Amino acid sequence: MNDQSELLRLAKRVQAIAENGLHFTENDFDKDRYTDLDEISIKMLSLLTNTPLKTIQVTTLEKNGYRTPKVDVRCIIFNDQHEILMVQERLDSRWSLPGGWCDVGYTPTETAEKEAFEEAGIKVKASRVLAIFDKKCHNHPEDLFYSYKIFVECIADNYEISTGMETLDVGFFKQEAYPELSTPRNTSYQIDKMFDFHYNRIAWPIID
């Protein structure tokens, strides 16, 4: 981890401590101190990411309880030719495993099934968790959120696929022929590990 990444991690930690303190404290003196910490963390995040202060405030502050990591689910779907399903993201025109943030009211498996259909037009049944990755431990670009990524194996009803509102294209790919990856969402290391599961080279879930 380089110095910039470590500073960003610490700024996120300061923000979490401030929000958690504001949630629990009943002491006015402590509220003032936690509010100061909150403002400092926002300025640090703004300086480290070249993001306007207002954007940081709107995007990251929860103000509704104890700060916890965000959770992202990725769907692992193989076809009979040992190819993995990927979608081309509308946001950056690069490719990722179908998936996204977990929605309130949905279980992780329900999220996986929903995301697969919404992004790739494919009906699946979630079968097992393959990995839980902490984003900081992998070669993702820096972002404002601290998050975990859950990789869920899904079994397709059939292999009919189509694009969705958030995707430009969809297709199956062999391990040696990945398209250009959307690295905020997944890395080549992570996808290689999914192939290891597919070929039974790994038996147990991976967790950071």
N, C-alpha and C. Protein backbone atom coordinates (compact mmCIF):
# COMPACT_ATOMS: atom_id res chain seq x y z
N MET A 1 0.84 -1.20 0.00
CA MET A 1 0.00 0.00 0.00
C MET A 1 0.88 1.25 0.00
N ASN A 2 0.70 2.16 -0.98
CA ASN A 2 1.50 3.36 -1.03
C ASN A 2 0.98 4.41 -0.05
N ASP A 3 1.75 5.51 0.08
CA ASP A 3 1.39 6.53 1.07
C ASP A 3 0.02 7.15 0.78
N GLN A 4 -0.28 7.39 -0.50
CA GLN A 4 -1.56 7.99 -0.87
C GLN A 4 -2.72 7.08 -0.46
N SER A 5 -2.56 5.78 -0.72
CA SER A 5 -3.61 4.83 -0.36
C SER A 5 -3.80 4.75 1.15
N GLU A 6 -2.68 4.80 1.87
CA GLU A 6 -2.77 4.74 3.33
C GLU A 6 -3.44 5.99 3.89
N LEU A 7 -3.12 7.15 3.33
CA LEU A 7 -3.77 8.38 3.78
C LEU A 7 -5.27 8.34 3.51
N LEU A 8 -5.65 7.81 2.35
CA LEU A 8 -7.07 7.72 2.04
C LEU A 8 -7.78 6.76 2.98
N ARG A 9 -7.13 5.64 3.29
CA ARG A 9 -7.71 4.68 4.23
C ARG A 9 -7.89 5.33 5.60
N LEU A 10 -6.89 6.09 6.04
CA LEU A 10 -6.97 6.73 7.35
C LEU A 10 -8.06 7.81 7.37
N ALA A 11 -8.21 8.55 6.28
CA ALA A 11 -9.27 9.56 6.21
C ALA A 11 -10.65 8.92 6.32
N LYS A 12 -10.84 7.78 5.65
CA LYS A 12 -12.11 7.05 5.75
C LYS A 12 -12.34 6.59 7.19
N ARG A 13 -11.25 6.17 7.83
CA ARG A 13 -11.36 5.69 9.22
C ARG A 13 -11.74 6.84 10.16
N VAL A 14 -11.13 8.00 9.96
CA VAL A 14 -11.47 9.17 10.78
C VAL A 14 -12.94 9.53 10.59
N GLN A 15 -13.41 9.49 9.36
CA GLN A 15 -14.82 9.80 9.09
C GLN A 15 -15.75 8.81 9.78
N ALA A 16 -15.40 7.53 9.75
CA ALA A 16 -16.22 6.52 10.40
C ALA A 16 -16.26 6.73 11.92
N ILE A 17 -15.09 7.03 12.51
CA ILE A 17 -15.03 7.27 13.96
C ILE A 17 -15.90 8.48 14.32
N ALA A 18 -15.82 9.52 13.50
CA ALA A 18 -16.61 10.73 13.77
C ALA A 18 -18.10 10.44 13.70
N GLU A 19 -18.54 9.73 12.67
CA GLU A 19 -19.97 9.45 12.54
C GLU A 19 -20.45 8.50 13.63
N ASN A 20 -19.64 7.50 13.96
CA ASN A 20 -20.03 6.59 15.03
C ASN A 20 -20.11 7.33 16.37
N GLY A 21 -19.16 8.24 16.60
CA GLY A 21 -19.19 9.01 17.83
C GLY A 21 -20.42 9.89 17.92
N LEU A 22 -20.77 10.56 16.82
CA LEU A 22 -21.96 11.41 16.80
C LEU A 22 -23.23 10.60 17.03
N HIS A 23 -23.22 9.35 16.58
CA HIS A 23 -24.40 8.51 16.76
C HIS A 23 -24.60 8.11 18.23
N PHE A 24 -23.49 7.82 18.92
CA PHE A 24 -23.61 7.25 20.26
C PHE A 24 -23.53 8.27 21.40
N THR A 25 -22.79 9.36 21.20
CA THR A 25 -22.55 10.26 22.33
C THR A 25 -23.77 11.09 22.67
N GLU A 26 -23.93 11.36 23.97
CA GLU A 26 -24.98 12.26 24.44
C GLU A 26 -24.36 13.50 25.08
N ASN A 27 -23.03 13.58 25.03
CA ASN A 27 -22.30 14.69 25.65
C ASN A 27 -22.08 15.79 24.61
N ASP A 28 -22.52 17.02 24.92
CA ASP A 28 -22.41 18.12 23.96
C ASP A 28 -20.95 18.43 23.62
N PHE A 29 -20.06 18.33 24.60
CA PHE A 29 -18.64 18.57 24.35
C PHE A 29 -18.10 17.56 23.33
N ASP A 30 -18.45 16.29 23.52
CA ASP A 30 -18.00 15.27 22.58
C ASP A 30 -18.61 15.46 21.19
N LYS A 31 -19.88 15.90 21.15
CA LYS A 31 -20.52 16.14 19.85
C LYS A 31 -19.76 17.18 19.05
N ASP A 32 -19.30 18.24 19.74
CA ASP A 32 -18.51 19.27 19.05
C ASP A 32 -17.22 18.70 18.50
N ARG A 33 -16.57 17.86 19.29
CA ARG A 33 -15.29 17.29 18.85
C ARG A 33 -15.50 16.33 17.67
N TYR A 34 -16.54 15.52 17.75
CA TYR A 34 -16.80 14.58 16.65
C TYR A 34 -17.23 15.33 15.38
N THR A 35 -17.93 16.43 15.56
CA THR A 35 -18.31 17.25 14.40
C THR A 35 -17.06 17.83 13.74
N ASP A 36 -16.10 18.28 14.56
CA ASP A 36 -14.83 18.77 14.02
C ASP A 36 -14.11 17.67 13.24
N LEU A 37 -14.06 16.47 13.82
CA LEU A 37 -13.43 15.35 13.13
C LEU A 37 -14.12 15.04 11.81
N ASP A 38 -15.44 15.12 11.83
CA ASP A 38 -16.22 14.88 10.61
C ASP A 38 -15.81 15.86 9.51
N GLU A 39 -15.75 17.14 9.87
CA GLU A 39 -15.39 18.17 8.89
C GLU A 39 -13.95 17.99 8.40
N ILE A 40 -13.05 17.63 9.30
CA ILE A 40 -11.66 17.39 8.91
C ILE A 40 -11.57 16.23 7.93
N SER A 41 -12.29 15.15 8.22
CA SER A 41 -12.22 13.97 7.35
C SER A 41 -12.75 14.30 5.95
N ILE A 42 -13.81 15.11 5.87
CA ILE A 42 -14.36 15.49 4.57
C ILE A 42 -13.34 16.31 3.77
N LYS A 43 -12.66 17.23 4.44
CA LYS A 43 -11.64 18.03 3.76
C LYS A 43 -10.48 17.14 3.29
N MET A 44 -10.08 16.19 4.13
CA MET A 44 -9.01 15.27 3.75
C MET A 44 -9.40 14.45 2.52
N LEU A 45 -10.62 13.90 2.53
CA LEU A 45 -11.09 13.11 1.38
C LEU A 45 -11.16 13.96 0.12
N SER A 46 -11.58 15.20 0.27
CA SER A 46 -11.66 16.10 -0.88
C SER A 46 -10.27 16.37 -1.46
N LEU A 47 -9.31 16.65 -0.61
CA LEU A 47 -7.95 16.93 -1.07
C LEU A 47 -7.29 15.70 -1.69
N LEU A 48 -7.53 14.53 -1.10
CA LEU A 48 -6.88 13.31 -1.58
C LEU A 48 -7.46 12.79 -2.89
N THR A 49 -8.72 13.16 -3.16
CA THR A 49 -9.38 12.61 -4.35
C THR A 49 -9.72 13.68 -5.40
N ASN A 50 -9.37 14.94 -5.12
CA ASN A 50 -9.73 16.04 -6.02
C ASN A 50 -11.24 16.08 -6.29
N THR A 51 -12.01 15.84 -5.23
CA THR A 51 -13.47 15.84 -5.32
C THR A 51 -14.01 17.03 -4.53
N PRO A 52 -14.97 17.79 -5.07
CA PRO A 52 -15.51 18.93 -4.33
C PRO A 52 -16.07 18.52 -2.97
N LEU A 53 -15.94 19.42 -2.00
CA LEU A 53 -16.42 19.14 -0.64
C LEU A 53 -17.89 18.74 -0.64
N LYS A 54 -18.70 19.45 -1.40
CA LYS A 54 -20.14 19.18 -1.41
C LYS A 54 -20.42 17.77 -1.90
N THR A 55 -19.66 17.32 -2.89
CA THR A 55 -19.84 15.95 -3.41
C THR A 55 -19.49 14.92 -2.35
N ILE A 56 -18.41 15.17 -1.61
CA ILE A 56 -18.02 14.26 -0.53
C ILE A 56 -19.14 14.19 0.51
N GLN A 57 -19.68 15.34 0.88
CA GLN A 57 -20.73 15.37 1.90
C GLN A 57 -21.95 14.59 1.46
N VAL A 58 -22.39 14.80 0.25
CA VAL A 58 -23.60 14.14 -0.24
C VAL A 58 -23.37 12.65 -0.45
N THR A 59 -22.18 12.30 -0.92
CA THR A 59 -21.91 10.92 -1.33
C THR A 59 -21.61 10.00 -0.16
N THR A 60 -20.84 10.48 0.82
CA THR A 60 -20.30 9.56 1.83
C THR A 60 -20.97 9.63 3.19
N LEU A 61 -21.55 10.76 3.57
CA LEU A 61 -22.08 10.87 4.92
C LEU A 61 -23.40 10.13 5.05
N GLU A 62 -23.48 9.26 6.04
CA GLU A 62 -24.71 8.49 6.24
C GLU A 62 -25.64 9.16 7.23
N LYS A 63 -25.09 9.67 8.32
CA LYS A 63 -25.88 10.39 9.33
C LYS A 63 -27.06 9.57 9.85
N ASN A 64 -26.93 8.26 9.85
CA ASN A 64 -28.08 7.45 10.25
C ASN A 64 -27.68 6.24 11.08
N GLY A 65 -26.54 6.32 11.76
CA GLY A 65 -26.17 5.19 12.59
C GLY A 65 -24.71 4.83 12.47
N TYR A 66 -24.39 3.66 12.96
CA TYR A 66 -23.00 3.21 13.01
C TYR A 66 -22.49 2.93 11.60
N ARG A 67 -21.35 3.56 11.23
CA ARG A 67 -20.80 3.40 9.89
C ARG A 67 -20.23 2.00 9.71
N THR A 68 -20.63 1.33 8.64
CA THR A 68 -20.14 -0.01 8.31
C THR A 68 -19.72 -0.04 6.85
N PRO A 69 -18.95 -1.05 6.43
CA PRO A 69 -18.57 -1.15 5.01
C PRO A 69 -19.79 -1.37 4.12
N LYS A 70 -19.70 -0.85 2.89
CA LYS A 70 -20.71 -1.17 1.89
C LYS A 70 -20.45 -2.57 1.35
N VAL A 71 -21.48 -3.20 0.81
CA VAL A 71 -21.36 -4.59 0.33
C VAL A 71 -21.73 -4.65 -1.15
N ASP A 72 -20.83 -5.22 -1.94
CA ASP A 72 -21.02 -5.39 -3.37
C ASP A 72 -21.07 -6.89 -3.68
N VAL A 73 -22.01 -7.31 -4.52
CA VAL A 73 -22.13 -8.72 -4.90
C VAL A 73 -21.79 -8.88 -6.37
N ARG A 74 -21.00 -9.91 -6.69
CA ARG A 74 -20.65 -10.24 -8.08
C ARG A 74 -21.11 -11.66 -8.39
N CYS A 75 -21.70 -11.84 -9.57
CA CYS A 75 -22.27 -13.13 -9.98
C CYS A 75 -21.28 -13.92 -10.82
N ILE A 76 -21.07 -15.17 -10.45
CA ILE A 76 -20.15 -16.04 -11.17
C ILE A 76 -20.98 -17.06 -11.94
N ILE A 77 -20.99 -16.93 -13.26
CA ILE A 77 -21.83 -17.77 -14.12
C ILE A 77 -20.97 -18.33 -15.24
N PHE A 78 -20.86 -19.64 -15.30
CA PHE A 78 -20.11 -20.31 -16.36
C PHE A 78 -21.07 -21.02 -17.30
N ASN A 79 -20.69 -21.12 -18.59
CA ASN A 79 -21.47 -21.92 -19.54
C ASN A 79 -20.81 -23.28 -19.75
N ASP A 80 -21.35 -24.08 -20.65
CA ASP A 80 -20.84 -25.44 -20.87
C ASP A 80 -19.48 -25.45 -21.56
N GLN A 81 -19.07 -24.32 -22.11
CA GLN A 81 -17.76 -24.22 -22.77
C GLN A 81 -16.69 -23.67 -21.82
N HIS A 82 -16.98 -23.66 -20.53
CA HIS A 82 -16.05 -23.19 -19.49
C HIS A 82 -15.70 -21.71 -19.68
N GLU A 83 -16.67 -20.94 -20.13
CA GLU A 83 -16.51 -19.50 -20.27
C GLU A 83 -17.30 -18.79 -19.19
N ILE A 84 -16.80 -17.65 -18.77
CA ILE A 84 -17.43 -16.89 -17.69
C ILE A 84 -18.22 -15.72 -18.26
N LEU A 85 -19.37 -15.44 -17.67
CA LEU A 85 -20.23 -14.36 -18.15
C LEU A 85 -19.74 -13.01 -17.64
N MET A 86 -19.65 -12.04 -18.56
CA MET A 86 -19.26 -10.68 -18.20
C MET A 86 -20.14 -9.69 -18.95
N VAL A 87 -20.26 -8.48 -18.38
CA VAL A 87 -21.04 -7.42 -19.00
C VAL A 87 -20.16 -6.20 -19.22
N GLN A 88 -20.47 -5.45 -20.28
CA GLN A 88 -19.76 -4.21 -20.55
C GLN A 88 -20.49 -3.07 -19.87
N GLU A 89 -19.82 -2.42 -18.93
CA GLU A 89 -20.44 -1.39 -18.12
C GLU A 89 -20.67 -0.11 -18.93
N ARG A 90 -21.85 0.45 -18.80
CA ARG A 90 -22.15 1.71 -19.49
C ARG A 90 -21.31 2.86 -18.93
N LEU A 91 -20.94 2.80 -17.64
CA LEU A 91 -20.22 3.91 -17.01
C LEU A 91 -18.82 4.10 -17.57
N ASP A 92 -18.10 3.00 -17.86
CA ASP A 92 -16.71 3.15 -18.33
C ASP A 92 -16.39 2.34 -19.58
N SER A 93 -17.40 1.67 -20.16
CA SER A 93 -17.25 0.86 -21.38
C SER A 93 -16.29 -0.32 -21.19
N ARG A 94 -16.02 -0.68 -19.96
CA ARG A 94 -15.16 -1.84 -19.68
C ARG A 94 -16.01 -2.96 -19.09
N TRP A 95 -15.38 -4.08 -18.83
CA TRP A 95 -16.13 -5.30 -18.56
C TRP A 95 -16.02 -5.74 -17.11
N SER A 96 -17.11 -6.32 -16.61
CA SER A 96 -17.11 -6.83 -15.24
C SER A 96 -18.03 -8.03 -15.12
N LEU A 97 -17.90 -8.73 -14.03
CA LEU A 97 -18.88 -9.74 -13.66
C LEU A 97 -20.18 -9.02 -13.31
N PRO A 98 -21.33 -9.56 -13.69
CA PRO A 98 -22.59 -8.90 -13.32
C PRO A 98 -22.67 -8.70 -11.80
N GLY A 99 -23.20 -7.56 -11.38
CA GLY A 99 -23.32 -7.34 -9.94
C GLY A 99 -23.48 -5.88 -9.60
N GLY A 100 -23.49 -5.60 -8.30
CA GLY A 100 -23.64 -4.23 -7.82
C GLY A 100 -23.84 -4.20 -6.32
N TRP A 101 -24.12 -3.00 -5.80
CA TRP A 101 -24.36 -2.83 -4.37
C TRP A 101 -25.59 -3.63 -3.93
N CYS A 102 -25.52 -4.16 -2.72
CA CYS A 102 -26.68 -4.84 -2.14
C CYS A 102 -27.76 -3.80 -1.80
N ASP A 103 -28.99 -4.12 -2.14
CA ASP A 103 -30.12 -3.25 -1.81
C ASP A 103 -30.74 -3.69 -0.48
N VAL A 104 -31.20 -2.72 0.29
CA VAL A 104 -31.90 -3.02 1.54
C VAL A 104 -33.14 -3.85 1.22
N GLY A 105 -33.33 -4.92 1.98
CA GLY A 105 -34.48 -5.79 1.78
C GLY A 105 -34.19 -7.01 0.94
N TYR A 106 -32.99 -7.07 0.35
CA TYR A 106 -32.60 -8.23 -0.46
C TYR A 106 -31.47 -8.98 0.23
N THR A 107 -31.54 -10.32 0.24
CA THR A 107 -30.44 -11.12 0.72
C THR A 107 -29.31 -11.08 -0.32
N PRO A 108 -28.09 -11.48 0.05
CA PRO A 108 -27.01 -11.53 -0.95
C PRO A 108 -27.36 -12.41 -2.15
N THR A 109 -28.02 -13.56 -1.91
CA THR A 109 -28.36 -14.43 -3.03
C THR A 109 -29.43 -13.80 -3.91
N GLU A 110 -30.41 -13.14 -3.29
CA GLU A 110 -31.42 -12.44 -4.07
C GLU A 110 -30.81 -11.31 -4.89
N THR A 111 -29.83 -10.61 -4.31
CA THR A 111 -29.14 -9.55 -5.03
C THR A 111 -28.41 -10.11 -6.25
N ALA A 112 -27.72 -11.24 -6.06
CA ALA A 112 -27.00 -11.85 -7.18
C ALA A 112 -27.95 -12.22 -8.31
N GLU A 113 -29.05 -12.85 -7.98
CA GLU A 113 -30.02 -13.27 -9.00
C GLU A 113 -30.64 -12.06 -9.71
N LYS A 114 -30.93 -11.02 -8.93
CA LYS A 114 -31.52 -9.81 -9.50
C LYS A 114 -30.54 -9.11 -10.43
N GLU A 115 -29.29 -8.96 -9.99
CA GLU A 115 -28.29 -8.27 -10.80
C GLU A 115 -27.99 -9.02 -12.09
N ALA A 116 -27.94 -10.35 -12.03
CA ALA A 116 -27.69 -11.14 -13.23
C ALA A 116 -28.77 -10.90 -14.27
N PHE A 117 -30.02 -10.84 -13.83
CA PHE A 117 -31.12 -10.63 -14.77
C PHE A 117 -31.14 -9.19 -15.28
N GLU A 118 -30.94 -8.22 -14.37
CA GLU A 118 -31.00 -6.82 -14.78
C GLU A 118 -29.87 -6.43 -15.71
N GLU A 119 -28.66 -6.98 -15.49
CA GLU A 119 -27.51 -6.55 -16.27
C GLU A 119 -27.23 -7.45 -17.48
N ALA A 120 -27.60 -8.74 -17.39
CA ALA A 120 -27.26 -9.67 -18.47
C ALA A 120 -28.47 -10.41 -19.03
N GLY A 121 -29.67 -10.12 -18.51
CA GLY A 121 -30.88 -10.75 -19.03
C GLY A 121 -30.97 -12.24 -18.81
N ILE A 122 -30.20 -12.75 -17.85
CA ILE A 122 -30.12 -14.20 -17.65
C ILE A 122 -30.75 -14.57 -16.31
N LYS A 123 -31.55 -15.62 -16.31
CA LYS A 123 -32.18 -16.11 -15.08
C LYS A 123 -31.27 -17.16 -14.45
N VAL A 124 -30.97 -16.95 -13.18
CA VAL A 124 -30.04 -17.83 -12.48
C VAL A 124 -30.56 -18.15 -11.09
N LYS A 125 -29.95 -19.16 -10.49
CA LYS A 125 -30.19 -19.50 -9.10
C LYS A 125 -28.85 -19.48 -8.37
N ALA A 126 -28.75 -18.63 -7.36
CA ALA A 126 -27.51 -18.56 -6.58
C ALA A 126 -27.30 -19.87 -5.84
N SER A 127 -26.06 -20.38 -5.85
CA SER A 127 -25.82 -21.69 -5.26
C SER A 127 -24.86 -21.67 -4.07
N ARG A 128 -23.79 -20.87 -4.14
CA ARG A 128 -22.83 -20.86 -3.02
C ARG A 128 -21.94 -19.63 -3.10
N VAL A 129 -21.42 -19.23 -1.95
CA VAL A 129 -20.44 -18.14 -1.87
C VAL A 129 -19.06 -18.70 -2.18
N LEU A 130 -18.36 -18.04 -3.09
CA LEU A 130 -17.00 -18.47 -3.44
C LEU A 130 -15.94 -17.63 -2.72
N ALA A 131 -16.21 -16.34 -2.54
CA ALA A 131 -15.18 -15.48 -1.94
C ALA A 131 -15.82 -14.25 -1.33
N ILE A 132 -15.18 -13.75 -0.28
CA ILE A 132 -15.50 -12.44 0.29
C ILE A 132 -14.19 -11.67 0.35
N PHE A 133 -14.09 -10.65 -0.49
CA PHE A 133 -12.86 -9.87 -0.60
C PHE A 133 -13.06 -8.50 0.02
N ASP A 134 -12.04 -8.03 0.75
CA ASP A 134 -11.98 -6.65 1.20
C ASP A 134 -11.31 -5.86 0.08
N LYS A 135 -11.99 -4.84 -0.41
CA LYS A 135 -11.50 -4.12 -1.59
C LYS A 135 -10.10 -3.56 -1.40
N LYS A 136 -9.74 -3.19 -0.16
CA LYS A 136 -8.42 -2.60 0.08
C LYS A 136 -7.29 -3.60 -0.16
N CYS A 137 -7.61 -4.90 -0.12
CA CYS A 137 -6.59 -5.94 -0.25
C CYS A 137 -6.30 -6.31 -1.71
N HIS A 138 -6.97 -5.65 -2.64
CA HIS A 138 -6.86 -6.02 -4.05
C HIS A 138 -6.55 -4.78 -4.88
N ASN A 139 -6.14 -5.02 -6.10
CA ASN A 139 -5.62 -3.95 -6.95
C ASN A 139 -6.73 -3.16 -7.64
N HIS A 140 -7.63 -2.61 -6.84
CA HIS A 140 -8.68 -1.75 -7.36
C HIS A 140 -8.23 -0.29 -7.31
N PRO A 141 -8.77 0.57 -8.17
CA PRO A 141 -8.52 2.01 -8.00
C PRO A 141 -9.10 2.49 -6.68
N GLU A 142 -8.52 3.55 -6.15
CA GLU A 142 -9.03 4.12 -4.91
C GLU A 142 -10.42 4.71 -5.13
N ASP A 143 -11.28 4.61 -4.12
CA ASP A 143 -12.55 5.31 -4.16
C ASP A 143 -12.93 5.77 -2.76
N LEU A 144 -14.09 6.41 -2.63
CA LEU A 144 -14.48 7.04 -1.37
C LEU A 144 -15.04 6.05 -0.36
N PHE A 145 -15.44 4.87 -0.83
CA PHE A 145 -16.13 3.94 0.06
C PHE A 145 -15.20 2.81 0.52
N TYR A 146 -15.44 2.36 1.74
CA TYR A 146 -14.80 1.14 2.22
C TYR A 146 -15.81 0.01 1.97
N SER A 147 -15.39 -1.03 1.25
CA SER A 147 -16.39 -2.02 0.85
C SER A 147 -15.84 -3.44 0.83
N TYR A 148 -16.76 -4.38 1.00
CA TYR A 148 -16.50 -5.81 0.83
C TYR A 148 -17.17 -6.26 -0.47
N LYS A 149 -16.58 -7.27 -1.10
CA LYS A 149 -17.12 -7.80 -2.35
C LYS A 149 -17.41 -9.29 -2.15
N ILE A 150 -18.66 -9.69 -2.36
CA ILE A 150 -19.06 -11.09 -2.22
C ILE A 150 -19.23 -11.69 -3.61
N PHE A 151 -18.50 -12.77 -3.89
CA PHE A 151 -18.58 -13.45 -5.18
C PHE A 151 -19.45 -14.70 -5.01
N VAL A 152 -20.57 -14.74 -5.75
CA VAL A 152 -21.57 -15.79 -5.58
C VAL A 152 -21.69 -16.61 -6.86
N GLU A 153 -21.50 -17.91 -6.75
CA GLU A 153 -21.69 -18.80 -7.89
C GLU A 153 -23.18 -18.93 -8.18
N CYS A 154 -23.55 -18.80 -9.46
CA CYS A 154 -24.95 -18.89 -9.87
C CYS A 154 -25.10 -19.91 -11.00
N ILE A 155 -26.17 -20.67 -10.95
CA ILE A 155 -26.47 -21.66 -11.98
C ILE A 155 -27.56 -21.10 -12.89
N ALA A 156 -27.29 -21.08 -14.19
CA ALA A 156 -28.23 -20.49 -15.15
C ALA A 156 -29.33 -21.47 -15.53
N ASP A 157 -30.55 -20.94 -15.69
CA ASP A 157 -31.65 -21.74 -16.23
C ASP A 157 -31.37 -22.11 -17.68
N ASN A 158 -30.83 -21.14 -18.43
CA ASN A 158 -30.37 -21.35 -19.80
C ASN A 158 -29.34 -20.26 -20.07
N TYR A 159 -28.78 -20.23 -21.26
CA TYR A 159 -27.71 -19.29 -21.53
C TYR A 159 -28.14 -18.16 -22.47
N GLU A 160 -29.42 -17.83 -22.46
CA GLU A 160 -29.90 -16.68 -23.21
C GLU A 160 -29.52 -15.41 -22.46
N ILE A 161 -28.88 -14.47 -23.15
CA ILE A 161 -28.39 -13.25 -22.51
C ILE A 161 -28.80 -12.02 -23.32
N SER A 162 -28.88 -10.89 -22.62
CA SER A 162 -29.21 -9.62 -23.28
C SER A 162 -28.73 -8.48 -22.40
N THR A 163 -28.56 -7.32 -22.98
CA THR A 163 -28.10 -6.16 -22.22
C THR A 163 -29.22 -5.59 -21.36
N GLY A 164 -28.82 -4.77 -20.37
CA GLY A 164 -29.78 -4.08 -19.52
C GLY A 164 -29.55 -2.58 -19.54
N MET A 165 -30.21 -1.87 -18.64
CA MET A 165 -30.11 -0.41 -18.61
C MET A 165 -28.69 0.07 -18.31
N GLU A 166 -27.92 -0.71 -17.55
CA GLU A 166 -26.59 -0.28 -17.14
C GLU A 166 -25.48 -0.92 -17.97
N THR A 167 -25.82 -1.69 -18.98
CA THR A 167 -24.80 -2.43 -19.73
C THR A 167 -24.90 -2.16 -21.23
N LEU A 168 -23.73 -2.12 -21.87
CA LEU A 168 -23.65 -1.90 -23.31
C LEU A 168 -23.60 -3.20 -24.10
N ASP A 169 -23.05 -4.24 -23.48
CA ASP A 169 -22.90 -5.52 -24.16
C ASP A 169 -22.77 -6.61 -23.10
N VAL A 170 -22.90 -7.85 -23.51
CA VAL A 170 -22.80 -8.98 -22.60
C VAL A 170 -22.26 -10.17 -23.37
N GLY A 171 -21.43 -11.00 -22.72
CA GLY A 171 -20.88 -12.16 -23.42
C GLY A 171 -20.16 -13.10 -22.48
N PHE A 172 -19.84 -14.28 -22.99
CA PHE A 172 -19.06 -15.28 -22.26
C PHE A 172 -17.62 -15.25 -22.76
N PHE A 173 -16.66 -15.42 -21.83
CA PHE A 173 -15.25 -15.28 -22.18
C PHE A 173 -14.42 -16.41 -21.56
N LYS A 174 -13.44 -16.86 -22.34
CA LYS A 174 -12.49 -17.84 -21.83
C LYS A 174 -11.46 -17.16 -20.93
N GLN A 175 -10.83 -17.96 -20.09
CA GLN A 175 -9.89 -17.39 -19.13
C GLN A 175 -8.73 -16.67 -19.82
N GLU A 176 -8.28 -17.18 -20.94
CA GLU A 176 -7.13 -16.57 -21.62
C GLU A 176 -7.54 -15.43 -22.54
N ALA A 177 -8.80 -15.03 -22.52
CA ALA A 177 -9.27 -14.01 -23.47
C ALA A 177 -10.18 -13.00 -22.79
N TYR A 178 -9.78 -12.49 -21.62
CA TYR A 178 -10.58 -11.47 -20.97
C TYR A 178 -10.64 -10.21 -21.84
N PRO A 179 -11.76 -9.51 -21.83
CA PRO A 179 -11.79 -8.15 -22.39
C PRO A 179 -11.16 -7.18 -21.39
N GLU A 180 -11.12 -5.90 -21.74
CA GLU A 180 -10.57 -4.90 -20.82
C GLU A 180 -11.48 -4.77 -19.60
N LEU A 181 -10.92 -4.97 -18.41
CA LEU A 181 -11.73 -5.08 -17.21
C LEU A 181 -12.04 -3.72 -16.59
N SER A 182 -13.21 -3.62 -15.99
CA SER A 182 -13.60 -2.47 -15.18
C SER A 182 -13.04 -2.70 -13.77
N THR A 183 -11.84 -2.21 -13.53
CA THR A 183 -11.13 -2.56 -12.30
C THR A 183 -11.76 -2.02 -11.01
N PRO A 184 -12.60 -0.97 -11.03
CA PRO A 184 -13.30 -0.66 -9.78
C PRO A 184 -14.21 -1.80 -9.33
N ARG A 185 -14.62 -2.65 -10.27
CA ARG A 185 -15.58 -3.70 -9.97
C ARG A 185 -14.93 -5.08 -9.80
N ASN A 186 -13.92 -5.38 -10.59
CA ASN A 186 -13.25 -6.69 -10.47
C ASN A 186 -11.86 -6.63 -11.08
N THR A 187 -10.99 -7.51 -10.61
CA THR A 187 -9.62 -7.58 -11.11
C THR A 187 -9.38 -8.93 -11.77
N SER A 188 -8.31 -9.00 -12.55
CA SER A 188 -7.98 -10.27 -13.21
C SER A 188 -7.65 -11.36 -12.19
N TYR A 189 -7.02 -10.98 -11.08
CA TYR A 189 -6.72 -11.96 -10.02
C TYR A 189 -8.01 -12.58 -9.49
N GLN A 190 -9.01 -11.75 -9.23
CA GLN A 190 -10.27 -12.26 -8.69
C GLN A 190 -10.97 -13.18 -9.69
N ILE A 191 -10.97 -12.81 -10.95
CA ILE A 191 -11.63 -13.65 -11.95
C ILE A 191 -10.86 -14.95 -12.14
N ASP A 192 -9.53 -14.89 -12.10
CA ASP A 192 -8.74 -16.12 -12.18
C ASP A 192 -9.11 -17.08 -11.05
N LYS A 193 -9.34 -16.53 -9.86
CA LYS A 193 -9.73 -17.37 -8.73
C LYS A 193 -11.08 -18.04 -8.98
N MET A 194 -11.98 -17.35 -9.66
CA MET A 194 -13.27 -17.95 -9.98
C MET A 194 -13.10 -19.13 -10.94
N PHE A 195 -12.16 -19.04 -11.86
CA PHE A 195 -11.85 -20.18 -12.72
C PHE A 195 -11.24 -21.33 -11.91
N ASP A 196 -10.45 -21.00 -10.88
CA ASP A 196 -9.91 -22.06 -10.01
C ASP A 196 -11.04 -22.82 -9.34
N PHE A 197 -12.06 -22.10 -8.89
CA PHE A 197 -13.23 -22.79 -8.32
C PHE A 197 -13.92 -23.64 -9.38
N HIS A 198 -14.09 -23.08 -10.55
CA HIS A 198 -14.79 -23.79 -11.63
C HIS A 198 -14.10 -25.11 -11.97
N TYR A 199 -12.77 -25.10 -11.96
CA TYR A 199 -12.01 -26.31 -12.30
C TYR A 199 -11.66 -27.14 -11.06
N ASN A 200 -12.30 -26.81 -9.93
CA ASN A 200 -12.13 -27.56 -8.68
C ASN A 200 -10.70 -27.55 -8.15
N ARG A 201 -9.98 -26.47 -8.45
CA ARG A 201 -8.64 -26.31 -7.87
C ARG A 201 -8.72 -25.68 -6.49
N ILE A 202 -9.86 -25.08 -6.17
CA ILE A 202 -10.14 -24.55 -4.84
C ILE A 202 -11.46 -25.14 -4.37
N ALA A 203 -11.49 -25.62 -3.15
CA ALA A 203 -12.69 -26.27 -2.64
C ALA A 203 -13.46 -25.40 -1.66
N TRP A 204 -12.75 -24.57 -0.91
CA TRP A 204 -13.38 -23.80 0.17
C TRP A 204 -13.43 -22.32 -0.19
N PRO A 205 -14.42 -21.61 0.33
CA PRO A 205 -14.49 -20.15 0.04
C PRO A 205 -13.23 -19.44 0.50
N ILE A 206 -12.89 -18.37 -0.22
CA ILE A 206 -11.76 -17.52 0.12
C ILE A 206 -12.31 -16.31 0.86
N ILE A 207 -11.60 -15.89 1.90
CA ILE A 207 -11.99 -14.67 2.62
C ILE A 207 -10.73 -13.91 3.03
N ASP A 208 -10.73 -12.59 2.84
CA ASP A 208 -9.60 -11.78 3.26
C ASP A 208 -9.59 -11.61 4.77
